[in-house]
C-alpha atoms as a PDB file:
ATOM      1  CA  UNK A   1     -42.379 -56.553  92.142  1.00  0.00           C
ATOM      2  CA  UNK A   2     -40.499 -54.275  89.723  1.00  0.00           C
ATOM      3  CA  UNK A   3     -37.367 -52.352  90.650  1.00  0.00           C
ATOM      4  CA  UNK A   4     -39.120 -49.027  91.130  1.00  0.00           C
ATOM      5  CA  UNK A   5     -41.723 -50.454  93.490  1.00  0.00           C
ATOM      6  CA  UNK A   6     -39.085 -52.381  95.403  1.00  0.00           C
ATOM      7  CA  UNK A   7     -37.033 -49.258  96.081  1.00  0.00           C
ATOM      8  CA  UNK A   8     -40.009 -47.214  97.172  1.00  0.00           C
ATOM      9  CA  UNK A   9     -41.511 -49.982  99.317  1.00  0.00           C
ATOM     10  CA  UNK A  10     -38.252 -50.804 101.066  1.00  0.00           C
ATOM     11  CA  UNK A  11     -37.299 -47.193 101.621  1.00  0.00           C
ATOM     12  CA  UNK A  12     -40.679 -46.076 102.910  1.00  0.00           C
ATOM     13  CA  UNK A  13     -40.191 -48.346 105.906  1.00  0.00           C
ATOM     14  CA  UNK A  14     -37.221 -46.286 107.068  1.00  0.00           C
ATOM     15  CA  UNK A  15     -37.867 -42.558 107.400  1.00  0.00           C
ATOM     16  CA  UNK A  16     -35.395 -40.073 108.845  1.00  0.00           C
ATOM     17  CA  UNK A  17     -36.176 -38.788 112.311  1.00  0.00           C
ATOM     18  CA  UNK A  18     -36.313 -35.189 111.130  1.00  0.00           C
ATOM     19  CA  UNK A  19     -38.319 -35.673 107.980  1.00  0.00           C
ATOM     20  CA  UNK A  20     -40.646 -38.351 109.324  1.00  0.00           C
ATOM     21  CA  UNK A  21     -42.108 -35.864 111.789  1.00  0.00           C
ATOM     22  CA  UNK A  22     -43.159 -33.521 108.989  1.00  0.00           C
ATOM     23  CA  UNK A  23     -46.802 -33.099 108.003  1.00  0.00           C
ATOM     24  CA  UNK A  24     -48.188 -35.325 105.287  1.00  0.00           C
ATOM     25  CA  UNK A  25     -46.705 -34.918 101.837  1.00  0.00           C
ATOM     26  CA  UNK A  26     -47.497 -36.222  98.388  1.00  0.00           C
ATOM     27  CA  UNK A  27     -46.752 -39.870  97.729  1.00  0.00           C
ATOM     28  CA  UNK A  28     -43.694 -40.461  95.501  1.00  0.00           C
ATOM     29  CA  UNK A  29     -46.010 -42.029  92.931  1.00  0.00           C
ATOM     30  CA  UNK A  30     -47.646 -38.623  92.500  1.00  0.00           C
ATOM     31  CA  UNK A  31     -44.427 -37.049  91.210  1.00  0.00           C
ATOM     32  CA  UNK A  32     -43.444 -36.994  87.550  1.00  0.00           C
ATOM     33  CA  UNK A  33     -41.693 -34.929  84.888  1.00  0.00           C
ATOM     34  CA  UNK A  34     -44.088 -32.039  85.459  1.00  0.00           C
ATOM     35  CA  UNK A  35     -43.640 -31.840  89.237  1.00  0.00           C
ATOM     36  CA  UNK A  36     -41.924 -28.796  90.716  1.00  0.00           C
ATOM     37  CA  UNK A  37     -39.385 -28.551  93.514  1.00  0.00           C
ATOM     38  CA  UNK A  38     -41.983 -26.962  95.777  1.00  0.00           C
ATOM     39  CA  UNK A  39     -44.426 -29.776  95.109  1.00  0.00           C
ATOM     40  CA  UNK A  40     -42.000 -32.593  95.925  1.00  0.00           C
ATOM     41  CA  UNK A  41     -40.990 -30.928  99.205  1.00  0.00           C
ATOM     42  CA  UNK A  42     -44.499 -29.864 100.255  1.00  0.00           C
ATOM     43  CA  UNK A  43     -45.025 -30.509 103.965  1.00  0.00           C
ATOM     44  CA  UNK A  44     -41.362 -31.180 104.759  1.00  0.00           C
ATOM     45  CA  UNK A  45     -39.722 -29.313 107.633  1.00  0.00           C
ATOM     46  CA  UNK A  46     -35.987 -28.968 107.036  1.00  0.00           C
ATOM     47  CA  UNK A  47     -35.396 -26.681 110.003  1.00  0.00           C
ATOM     48  CA  UNK A  48     -32.040 -27.391 111.609  1.00  0.00           C
ATOM     49  CA  UNK A  49     -30.591 -29.050 108.510  1.00  0.00           C
ATOM     50  CA  UNK A  50     -27.714 -27.644 106.460  1.00  0.00           C
ATOM     51  CA  UNK A  51     -27.307 -27.950 102.706  1.00  0.00           C
ATOM     52  CA  UNK A  52     -24.576 -26.996 100.262  1.00  0.00           C
ATOM     53  CA  UNK A  53     -25.731 -26.219  96.728  1.00  0.00           C
ATOM     54  CA  UNK A  54     -23.089 -25.468  94.121  1.00  0.00           C
ATOM     55  CA  UNK A  55     -23.977 -23.069  91.326  1.00  0.00           C
ATOM     56  CA  UNK A  56     -26.649 -21.294  93.370  1.00  0.00           C
ATOM     57  CA  UNK A  57     -26.894 -18.071  91.393  1.00  0.00           C
ATOM     58  CA  UNK A  58     -29.002 -19.208  88.457  1.00  0.00           C
ATOM     59  CA  UNK A  59     -31.168 -21.918  86.945  1.00  0.00           C
ATOM     60  CA  UNK A  60     -31.610 -25.252  88.671  1.00  0.00           C
ATOM     61  CA  UNK A  61     -29.085 -24.428  91.394  1.00  0.00           C
ATOM     62  CA  UNK A  62     -30.913 -21.259  92.353  1.00  0.00           C
ATOM     63  CA  UNK A  63     -34.278 -22.997  92.435  1.00  0.00           C
ATOM     64  CA  UNK A  64     -32.850 -25.831  94.526  1.00  0.00           C
ATOM     65  CA  UNK A  65     -31.400 -23.347  97.017  1.00  0.00           C
ATOM     66  CA  UNK A  66     -34.601 -21.312  97.104  1.00  0.00           C
ATOM     67  CA  UNK A  67     -36.826 -24.295  97.856  1.00  0.00           C
ATOM     68  CA  UNK A  68     -34.516 -25.892 100.435  1.00  0.00           C
ATOM     69  CA  UNK A  69     -34.272 -22.540 102.249  1.00  0.00           C
ATOM     70  CA  UNK A  70     -38.032 -22.093 101.950  1.00  0.00           C
ATOM     71  CA  UNK A  71     -38.505 -25.413 103.758  1.00  0.00           C
ATOM     72  CA  UNK A  72     -36.252 -24.271 106.600  1.00  0.00           C
ATOM     73  CA  UNK A  73     -32.771 -25.521 105.715  1.00  0.00           C
ATOM     74  CA  UNK A  74     -29.713 -23.322 106.052  1.00  0.00           C
ATOM     75  CA  UNK A  75     -28.291 -23.329 102.529  1.00  0.00           C
ATOM     76  CA  UNK A  76     -24.675 -22.554 101.747  1.00  0.00           C
ATOM     77  CA  UNK A  77     -24.848 -21.478  98.126  1.00  0.00           C
ATOM     78  CA  UNK A  78     -21.718 -21.352  96.012  1.00  0.00           C
ATOM     79  CA  UNK A  79     -21.129 -19.112  93.013  1.00  0.00           C
ATOM     80  CA  UNK A  80     -18.102 -18.170  90.947  1.00  0.00           C
ATOM     81  CA  UNK A  81     -17.954 -14.692  92.503  1.00  0.00           C
ATOM     82  CA  UNK A  82     -18.939 -13.372  95.914  1.00  0.00           C
ATOM     83  CA  UNK A  83     -21.163 -10.694  94.369  1.00  0.00           C
ATOM     84  CA  UNK A  84     -23.203 -13.288  92.470  1.00  0.00           C
ATOM     85  CA  UNK A  85     -23.461 -15.484  95.536  1.00  0.00           C
ATOM     86  CA  UNK A  86     -24.523 -12.623  97.796  1.00  0.00           C
ATOM     87  CA  UNK A  87     -27.177 -11.435  95.377  1.00  0.00           C
ATOM     88  CA  UNK A  88     -28.647 -14.933  94.977  1.00  0.00           C
ATOM     89  CA  UNK A  89     -28.615 -15.727  98.689  1.00  0.00           C
ATOM     90  CA  UNK A  90     -30.150 -12.379  99.625  1.00  0.00           C
ATOM     91  CA  UNK A  91     -33.057 -12.945  97.237  1.00  0.00           C
ATOM     92  CA  UNK A  92     -34.416 -16.149  98.821  1.00  0.00           C
ATOM     93  CA  UNK A  93     -36.754 -16.506 101.772  1.00  0.00           C
ATOM     94  CA  UNK A  94     -34.931 -18.228 104.602  1.00  0.00           C
ATOM     95  CA  UNK A  95     -31.276 -18.578 105.592  1.00  0.00           C
ATOM     96  CA  UNK A  96     -28.684 -18.711 102.808  1.00  0.00           C
ATOM     97  CA  UNK A  97     -24.965 -18.056 103.060  1.00  0.00           C
ATOM     98  CA  UNK A  98     -22.778 -17.360 100.005  1.00  0.00           C
ATOM     99  CA  UNK A  99     -19.428 -19.002  99.302  1.00  0.00           C
ATOM    100  CA  UNK A 100     -17.075 -18.592  96.346  1.00  0.00           C
ATOM    101  CA  UNK A 101     -16.362 -21.673  94.243  1.00  0.00           C
ATOM    102  CA  UNK A 102     -14.543 -21.563  90.916  1.00  0.00           C
ATOM    103  CA  UNK A 103     -14.381 -25.157  89.703  1.00  0.00           C
ATOM    104  CA  UNK A 104     -11.570 -24.526  87.213  1.00  0.00           C
ATOM    105  CA  UNK A 105      -9.369 -23.321  90.077  1.00  0.00           C
ATOM    106  CA  UNK A 106      -8.493 -26.129  92.472  1.00  0.00           C
ATOM    107  CA  UNK A 107      -7.155 -23.659  95.055  1.00  0.00           C
ATOM    108  CA  UNK A 108     -10.557 -21.952  95.031  1.00  0.00           C
ATOM    109  CA  UNK A 109     -12.204 -25.307  95.723  1.00  0.00           C
ATOM    110  CA  UNK A 110      -9.927 -25.876  98.713  1.00  0.00           C
ATOM    111  CA  UNK A 111     -10.702 -22.403 100.092  1.00  0.00           C
ATOM    112  CA  UNK A 112     -14.440 -22.977  99.639  1.00  0.00           C
ATOM    113  CA  UNK A 113     -14.303 -26.320 101.415  1.00  0.00           C
ATOM    114  CA  UNK A 114     -12.253 -24.822 104.247  1.00  0.00           C
ATOM    115  CA  UNK A 115     -14.801 -22.006 104.666  1.00  0.00           C
ATOM    116  CA  UNK A 116     -17.642 -24.518 104.908  1.00  0.00           C
ATOM    117  CA  UNK A 117     -15.752 -26.786 107.305  1.00  0.00           C
ATOM    118  CA  UNK A 118     -14.982 -23.780 109.520  1.00  0.00           C
ATOM    119  CA  UNK A 119     -18.737 -23.427 110.129  1.00  0.00           C
ATOM    120  CA  UNK A 120     -18.410 -26.702 112.072  1.00  0.00           C
ATOM    121  CA  UNK A 121     -21.856 -28.031 111.218  1.00  0.00           C
ATOM    122  CA  UNK A 122     -22.938 -31.397 109.807  1.00  0.00           C
ATOM    123  CA  UNK A 123     -23.865 -31.276 106.138  1.00  0.00           C
ATOM    124  CA  UNK A 124     -27.212 -32.972 105.654  1.00  0.00           C
ATOM    125  CA  UNK A 125     -27.267 -32.324 101.914  1.00  0.00           C
ATOM    126  CA  UNK A 126     -24.386 -31.780  99.481  1.00  0.00           C
ATOM    127  CA  UNK A 127     -25.869 -30.962  96.082  1.00  0.00           C
ATOM    128  CA  UNK A 128     -23.266 -30.999  93.301  1.00  0.00           C
ATOM    129  CA  UNK A 129     -25.103 -28.931  90.711  1.00  0.00           C
ATOM    130  CA  UNK A 130     -22.699 -26.418  89.171  1.00  0.00           C
ATOM    131  CA  UNK A 131     -21.399 -27.180  85.707  1.00  0.00           C
ATOM    132  CA  UNK A 132     -20.853 -26.009  82.169  1.00  0.00           C
ATOM    133  CA  UNK A 133     -21.968 -27.046  78.702  1.00  0.00           C
ATOM    134  CA  UNK A 134     -19.749 -25.927  75.824  1.00  0.00           C
ATOM    135  CA  UNK A 135     -19.496 -26.932  72.188  1.00  0.00           C
ATOM    136  CA  UNK A 136     -15.879 -25.860  71.667  1.00  0.00           C
ATOM    137  CA  UNK A 137     -12.618 -27.632  72.470  1.00  0.00           C
ATOM    138  CA  UNK A 138     -11.234 -26.143  75.672  1.00  0.00           C
ATOM    139  CA  UNK A 139      -8.827 -27.494  78.231  1.00  0.00           C
ATOM    140  CA  UNK A 140      -7.904 -26.913  81.869  1.00  0.00           C
ATOM    141  CA  UNK A 141      -4.626 -28.368  83.124  1.00  0.00           C
ATOM    142  CA  UNK A 142      -4.323 -30.221  79.828  1.00  0.00           C
ATOM    143  CA  UNK A 143      -7.640 -31.991  80.395  1.00  0.00           C
ATOM    144  CA  UNK A 144     -10.972 -31.538  78.628  1.00  0.00           C
ATOM    145  CA  UNK A 145     -12.617 -28.587  80.393  1.00  0.00           C
ATOM    146  CA  UNK A 146     -16.053 -30.085  81.075  1.00  0.00           C
ATOM    147  CA  UNK A 147     -14.452 -33.145  82.666  1.00  0.00           C
ATOM    148  CA  UNK A 148     -12.508 -30.833  84.981  1.00  0.00           C
ATOM    149  CA  UNK A 149     -15.383 -28.509  85.886  1.00  0.00           C
ATOM    150  CA  UNK A 150     -18.276 -30.955  86.025  1.00  0.00           C
ATOM    151  CA  UNK A 151     -16.401 -33.879  87.577  1.00  0.00           C
ATOM    152  CA  UNK A 152     -12.944 -33.227  89.009  1.00  0.00           C
ATOM    153  CA  UNK A 153     -13.896 -29.980  90.748  1.00  0.00           C
ATOM    154  CA  UNK A 154     -16.772 -31.643  92.543  1.00  0.00           C
ATOM    155  CA  UNK A 155     -14.596 -34.683  93.255  1.00  0.00           C
ATOM    156  CA  UNK A 156     -12.230 -32.461  95.224  1.00  0.00           C
ATOM    157  CA  UNK A 157     -15.023 -30.603  97.004  1.00  0.00           C
ATOM    158  CA  UNK A 158     -16.792 -33.798  98.030  1.00  0.00           C
ATOM    159  CA  UNK A 159     -13.678 -35.455  99.351  1.00  0.00           C
ATOM    160  CA  UNK A 160     -12.829 -32.405 101.437  1.00  0.00           C
ATOM    161  CA  UNK A 161     -16.385 -32.172 102.836  1.00  0.00           C
ATOM    162  CA  UNK A 162     -17.179 -35.852 103.207  1.00  0.00           C
ATOM    163  CA  UNK A 163     -16.392 -35.928 106.917  1.00  0.00           C
ATOM    164  CA  UNK A 164     -19.007 -33.188 107.443  1.00  0.00           C
ATOM    165  CA  UNK A 165     -21.560 -35.195 105.436  1.00  0.00           C
ATOM    166  CA  UNK A 166     -20.895 -38.245 107.576  1.00  0.00           C
ATOM    167  CA  UNK A 167     -21.395 -36.185 110.728  1.00  0.00           C
ATOM    168  CA  UNK A 168     -25.021 -35.572 109.743  1.00  0.00           C
ATOM    169  CA  UNK A 169     -27.860 -37.718 111.037  1.00  0.00           C
ATOM    170  CA  UNK A 170     -28.329 -38.959 107.474  1.00  0.00           C
ATOM    171  CA  UNK A 171     -26.128 -37.039 105.055  1.00  0.00           C
ATOM    172  CA  UNK A 172     -26.983 -37.128 101.377  1.00  0.00           C
ATOM    173  CA  UNK A 173     -24.722 -36.391  98.428  1.00  0.00           C
ATOM    174  CA  UNK A 174     -26.749 -35.574  95.329  1.00  0.00           C
ATOM    175  CA  UNK A 175     -24.744 -35.578  92.108  1.00  0.00           C
ATOM    176  CA  UNK A 176     -26.573 -33.768  89.337  1.00  0.00           C
ATOM    177  CA  UNK A 177     -26.233 -35.936  86.264  1.00  0.00           C
ATOM    178  CA  UNK A 178     -27.953 -36.046  82.902  1.00  0.00           C
ATOM    179  CA  UNK A 179     -29.562 -38.465  80.513  1.00  0.00           C
ATOM    180  CA  UNK A 180     -26.895 -37.242  78.102  1.00  0.00           C
ATOM    181  CA  UNK A 181     -24.486 -39.680  79.741  1.00  0.00           C
ATOM    182  CA  UNK A 182     -25.924 -42.292  77.356  1.00  0.00           C
ATOM    183  CA  UNK A 183     -24.184 -40.492  74.480  1.00  0.00           C
ATOM    184  CA  UNK A 184     -20.713 -40.603  76.009  1.00  0.00           C
ATOM    185  CA  UNK A 185     -17.849 -41.634  73.714  1.00  0.00           C
ATOM    186  CA  UNK A 186     -17.501 -45.309  72.804  1.00  0.00           C
ATOM    187  CA  UNK A 187     -15.786 -47.183  75.603  1.00  0.00           C
ATOM    188  CA  UNK A 188     -16.998 -44.785  78.287  1.00  0.00           C
ATOM    189  CA  UNK A 189     -14.443 -42.725  80.205  1.00  0.00           C
ATOM    190  CA  UNK A 190     -11.504 -41.949  77.944  1.00  0.00           C
ATOM    191  CA  UNK A 191      -8.804 -43.006  80.382  1.00  0.00           C
ATOM    192  CA  UNK A 192      -6.119 -43.293  77.711  1.00  0.00           C
ATOM    193  CA  UNK A 193      -6.444 -39.631  76.718  1.00  0.00           C
ATOM    194  CA  UNK A 194      -8.450 -37.261  78.904  1.00  0.00           C
ATOM    195  CA  UNK A 195      -7.251 -34.264  76.911  1.00  0.00           C
ATOM    196  CA  UNK A 196     -10.427 -34.227  74.853  1.00  0.00           C
ATOM    197  CA  UNK A 197      -8.626 -34.476  71.528  1.00  0.00           C
ATOM    198  CA  UNK A 198     -10.764 -36.438  69.129  1.00  0.00           C
ATOM    199  CA  UNK A 199     -13.827 -36.633  71.374  1.00  0.00           C
ATOM    200  CA  UNK A 200     -14.384 -33.110  72.713  1.00  0.00           C
ATOM    201  CA  UNK A 201     -17.671 -32.823  70.789  1.00  0.00           C
ATOM    202  CA  UNK A 202     -18.965 -35.339  73.329  1.00  0.00           C
ATOM    203  CA  UNK A 203     -17.240 -33.644  76.263  1.00  0.00           C
ATOM    204  CA  UNK A 204     -20.433 -32.806  78.119  1.00  0.00           C
ATOM    205  CA  UNK A 205     -21.783 -36.335  77.725  1.00  0.00           C
ATOM    206  CA  UNK A 206     -18.432 -37.702  78.910  1.00  0.00           C
ATOM    207  CA  UNK A 207     -18.495 -35.485  82.002  1.00  0.00           C
ATOM    208  CA  UNK A 208     -22.051 -36.545  82.857  1.00  0.00           C
ATOM    209  CA  UNK A 209     -21.028 -40.199  82.641  1.00  0.00           C
ATOM    210  CA  UNK A 210     -18.207 -39.325  85.043  1.00  0.00           C
ATOM    211  CA  UNK A 211     -20.769 -37.776  87.416  1.00  0.00           C
ATOM    212  CA  UNK A 212     -22.831 -40.947  87.463  1.00  0.00           C
ATOM    213  CA  UNK A 213     -19.829 -43.222  87.951  1.00  0.00           C
ATOM    214  CA  UNK A 214     -18.505 -40.994  90.726  1.00  0.00           C
ATOM    215  CA  UNK A 215     -21.873 -41.261  92.463  1.00  0.00           C
ATOM    216  CA  UNK A 216     -21.990 -45.064  92.459  1.00  0.00           C
ATOM    217  CA  UNK A 217     -18.383 -45.418  93.606  1.00  0.00           C
ATOM    218  CA  UNK A 218     -19.019 -42.906  96.397  1.00  0.00           C
ATOM    219  CA  UNK A 219     -22.097 -44.916  97.387  1.00  0.00           C
ATOM    220  CA  UNK A 220     -19.953 -48.057  97.572  1.00  0.00           C
ATOM    221  CA  UNK A 221     -17.431 -46.292  99.806  1.00  0.00           C
ATOM    222  CA  UNK A 222     -20.219 -44.991 102.079  1.00  0.00           C
ATOM    223  CA  UNK A 223     -21.864 -48.393 102.409  1.00  0.00           C
ATOM    224  CA  UNK A 224     -20.913 -48.835 106.075  1.00  0.00           C
ATOM    225  CA  UNK A 225     -22.103 -45.332 107.041  1.00  0.00           C
ATOM    226  CA  UNK A 226     -25.429 -43.515 107.386  1.00  0.00           C
ATOM    227  CA  UNK A 227     -24.597 -41.302 104.403  1.00  0.00           C
ATOM    228  CA  UNK A 228     -25.840 -41.904 100.862  1.00  0.00           C
ATOM    229  CA  UNK A 229     -24.909 -40.891  97.350  1.00  0.00           C
ATOM    230  CA  UNK A 230     -27.300 -40.766  94.406  1.00  0.00           C
ATOM    231  CA  UNK A 231     -27.285 -39.283  90.925  1.00  0.00           C
ATOM    232  CA  UNK A 232     -30.233 -37.114  89.864  1.00  0.00           C
ATOM    233  CA  UNK A 233     -30.994 -36.034  86.310  1.00  0.00           C
ATOM    234  CA  UNK A 234     -33.015 -32.802  86.086  1.00  0.00           C
ATOM    235  CA  UNK A 235     -34.112 -33.622  82.545  1.00  0.00           C
ATOM    236  CA  UNK A 236     -33.893 -31.346  79.520  1.00  0.00           C
ATOM    237  CA  UNK A 237     -34.169 -27.933  81.162  1.00  0.00           C
ATOM    238  CA  UNK A 238     -33.917 -24.428  79.739  1.00  0.00           C
ATOM    239  CA  UNK A 239     -31.340 -22.617  81.904  1.00  0.00           C
ATOM    240  CA  UNK A 240     -28.428 -20.203  81.653  1.00  0.00           C
ATOM    241  CA  UNK A 241     -26.045 -23.192  81.440  1.00  0.00           C
ATOM    242  CA  UNK A 242     -26.836 -23.323  77.722  1.00  0.00           C
ATOM    243  CA  UNK A 243     -25.437 -19.851  77.047  1.00  0.00           C
ATOM    244  CA  UNK A 244     -22.179 -21.204  75.603  1.00  0.00           C
ATOM    245  CA  UNK A 245     -23.678 -23.534  73.011  1.00  0.00           C
ATOM    246  CA  UNK A 246     -25.307 -22.756  69.704  1.00  0.00           C
ATOM    247  CA  UNK A 247     -28.041 -25.427  69.891  1.00  0.00           C
ATOM    248  CA  UNK A 248     -30.931 -24.341  72.091  1.00  0.00           C
ATOM    249  CA  UNK A 249     -33.439 -26.603  73.871  1.00  0.00           C
ATOM    250  CA  UNK A 250     -36.752 -27.461  72.330  1.00  0.00           C
ATOM    251  CA  UNK A 251     -39.913 -25.632  73.376  1.00  0.00           C
ATOM    252  CA  UNK A 252     -40.824 -28.700  75.419  1.00  0.00           C
ATOM    253  CA  UNK A 253     -37.851 -28.213  77.761  1.00  0.00           C
ATOM    254  CA  UNK A 254     -38.569 -28.166  81.473  1.00  0.00           C
ATOM    255  CA  UNK A 255     -38.536 -24.976  83.488  1.00  0.00           C
ATOM    256  CA  UNK A 256     -35.974 -24.549  86.252  1.00  0.00           C
ATOM    257  CA  UNK A 257     -38.721 -25.183  88.820  1.00  0.00           C
ATOM    258  CA  UNK A 258     -39.373 -28.561  87.214  1.00  0.00           C
ATOM    259  CA  UNK A 259     -35.684 -29.314  86.639  1.00  0.00           C
ATOM    260  CA  UNK A 260     -34.944 -28.834  90.341  1.00  0.00           C
ATOM    261  CA  UNK A 261     -37.717 -31.218  91.385  1.00  0.00           C
ATOM    262  CA  UNK A 262     -35.784 -34.498  91.098  1.00  0.00           C
ATOM    263  CA  UNK A 263     -32.770 -32.952  92.836  1.00  0.00           C
ATOM    264  CA  UNK A 264     -34.863 -31.726  95.774  1.00  0.00           C
ATOM    265  CA  UNK A 265     -36.715 -35.048  95.869  1.00  0.00           C
ATOM    266  CA  UNK A 266     -33.488 -37.050  96.145  1.00  0.00           C
ATOM    267  CA  UNK A 267     -32.007 -34.574  98.647  1.00  0.00           C
ATOM    268  CA  UNK A 268     -34.972 -34.524 101.027  1.00  0.00           C
ATOM    269  CA  UNK A 269     -37.627 -37.171 100.570  1.00  0.00           C
ATOM    270  CA  UNK A 270     -38.005 -39.470 103.605  1.00  0.00           C
ATOM    271  CA  UNK A 271     -38.580 -42.518 101.409  1.00  0.00           C
ATOM    272  CA  UNK A 272     -34.963 -42.352 100.220  1.00  0.00           C
ATOM    273  CA  UNK A 273     -33.258 -42.513 103.605  1.00  0.00           C
ATOM    274  CA  UNK A 274     -31.464 -45.790 102.900  1.00  0.00           C
ATOM    275  CA  UNK A 275     -31.375 -45.602  99.112  1.00  0.00           C
ATOM    276  CA  UNK A 276     -27.862 -45.154  97.708  1.00  0.00           C
ATOM    277  CA  UNK A 277     -26.033 -45.710  94.441  1.00  0.00           C
ATOM    278  CA  UNK A 278     -29.143 -45.090  92.332  1.00  0.00           C
ATOM    279  CA  UNK A 279     -29.922 -42.933  89.312  1.00  0.00           C
ATOM    280  CA  UNK A 280     -33.104 -40.853  89.365  1.00  0.00           C
ATOM    281  CA  UNK A 281     -35.030 -39.027  86.651  1.00  0.00           C
ATOM    282  CA  UNK A 282     -38.464 -37.386  86.861  1.00  0.00           C
ATOM    283  CA  UNK A 283     -38.572 -38.123  90.612  1.00  0.00           C
ATOM    284  CA  UNK A 284     -38.332 -41.885  90.106  1.00  0.00           C
ATOM    285  CA  UNK A 285     -35.601 -44.488  89.548  1.00  0.00           C
ATOM    286  CA  UNK A 286     -34.241 -43.910  86.053  1.00  0.00           C
ATOM    287  CA  UNK A 287     -32.653 -46.055  83.412  1.00  0.00           C
ATOM    288  CA  UNK A 288     -28.875 -45.462  83.327  1.00  0.00           C
ATOM    289  CA  UNK A 289     -26.681 -46.767  80.543  1.00  0.00           C
ATOM    290  CA  UNK A 290     -24.568 -49.885  80.861  1.00  0.00           C
ATOM    291  CA  UNK A 291     -21.472 -47.703  81.193  1.00  0.00           C
ATOM    292  CA  UNK A 292     -22.954 -45.737  84.098  1.00  0.00           C
ATOM    293  CA  UNK A 293     -23.553 -48.931  86.065  1.00  0.00           C
ATOM    294  CA  UNK A 294     -20.070 -50.324  85.391  1.00  0.00           C
ATOM    295  CA  UNK A 295     -18.575 -50.668  88.865  1.00  0.00           C
ATOM    296  CA  UNK A 296     -15.088 -51.445  87.604  1.00  0.00           C
ATOM    297  CA  UNK A 297     -15.113 -48.281  85.476  1.00  0.00           C
ATOM    298  CA  UNK A 298     -16.384 -46.307  88.473  1.00  0.00           C
ATOM    299  CA  UNK A 299     -13.589 -47.593  90.690  1.00  0.00           C
ATOM    300  CA  UNK A 300     -10.979 -46.840  88.062  1.00  0.00           C
ATOM    301  CA  UNK A 301     -12.372 -43.320  87.610  1.00  0.00           C
ATOM    302  CA  UNK A 302     -12.042 -42.708  91.346  1.00  0.00           C
ATOM    303  CA  UNK A 303      -8.435 -43.894  91.285  1.00  0.00           C
ATOM    304  CA  UNK A 304      -7.556 -41.762  88.250  1.00  0.00           C
ATOM    305  CA  UNK A 305      -9.351 -38.732  89.702  1.00  0.00           C
ATOM    306  CA  UNK A 306      -7.423 -39.160  92.940  1.00  0.00           C
ATOM    307  CA  UNK A 307      -4.142 -39.231  91.047  1.00  0.00           C
ATOM    308  CA  UNK A 308      -5.070 -36.084  89.102  1.00  0.00           C
ATOM    309  CA  UNK A 309      -6.098 -34.109  92.172  1.00  0.00           C
ATOM    310  CA  UNK A 310      -3.980 -35.643  94.925  1.00  0.00           C
ATOM    311  CA  UNK A 311      -2.428 -32.355  96.039  1.00  0.00           C
ATOM    312  CA  UNK A 312      -5.864 -30.847  96.703  1.00  0.00           C
ATOM    313  CA  UNK A 313      -7.672 -33.660  98.492  1.00  0.00           C
END
């Protein structure tokens, strides 16, 4: 039995109480790169569940929020400004609540987490979607900017909300990664110099490797709990995230509705109740690089990230 079949066969035996009572839905084998977020959640009833989706005001984040709310979940959608968050949340069918999250501002992350915790509800889904792609050398706190925004910001948010995730019947952390992690700088995470000097042209790829490593280390730390952590790649998708780079996606790029499919699949599908520490692409187990499966690198990244953000955890 190959790895993909093993995961699906083992996981299908253990469905969540909430999701297992939903009407019939498409078999995981029916999903592929062309599937949409609505298709992979067809028949699921998420009523009573709460999700956090970062970067809810456009692209994949918006589509993820829209579909989760459509299926009945209460979605807390974060955006960089309250106006953007309000507009996005008001435009979806279902219950959506805006929250402000500026990932370059660690104080903003703390305030956002405190607002969510004050709601005093379990978090069934924590979708770490927000991020940037730039092709210039920029820094935040002396660190390469994409590493800060795409990884460290979400590292803080997750640590501050993890107790709420663990309060859920079966909380799921979904880290939005990318196949671009395979093009990270030689040696993987640049622990000796995280400033970006000399490797900033691969800053996005570096940050996506960090996302994947964060996900597997989080999964290891959640091993004795009901909660899970998985990394989901949306695939090459044409969204507003590309506004800061000169190179544009090919005509074959996915739409946002297709890009959100794997994220929604990993966040909701009953077959993945006990699946943790995996990398998904096109709604199926993917093929991460050797670096992204390096447990020692993942553990070291967690330790370094903790040291860099200690005052905000």
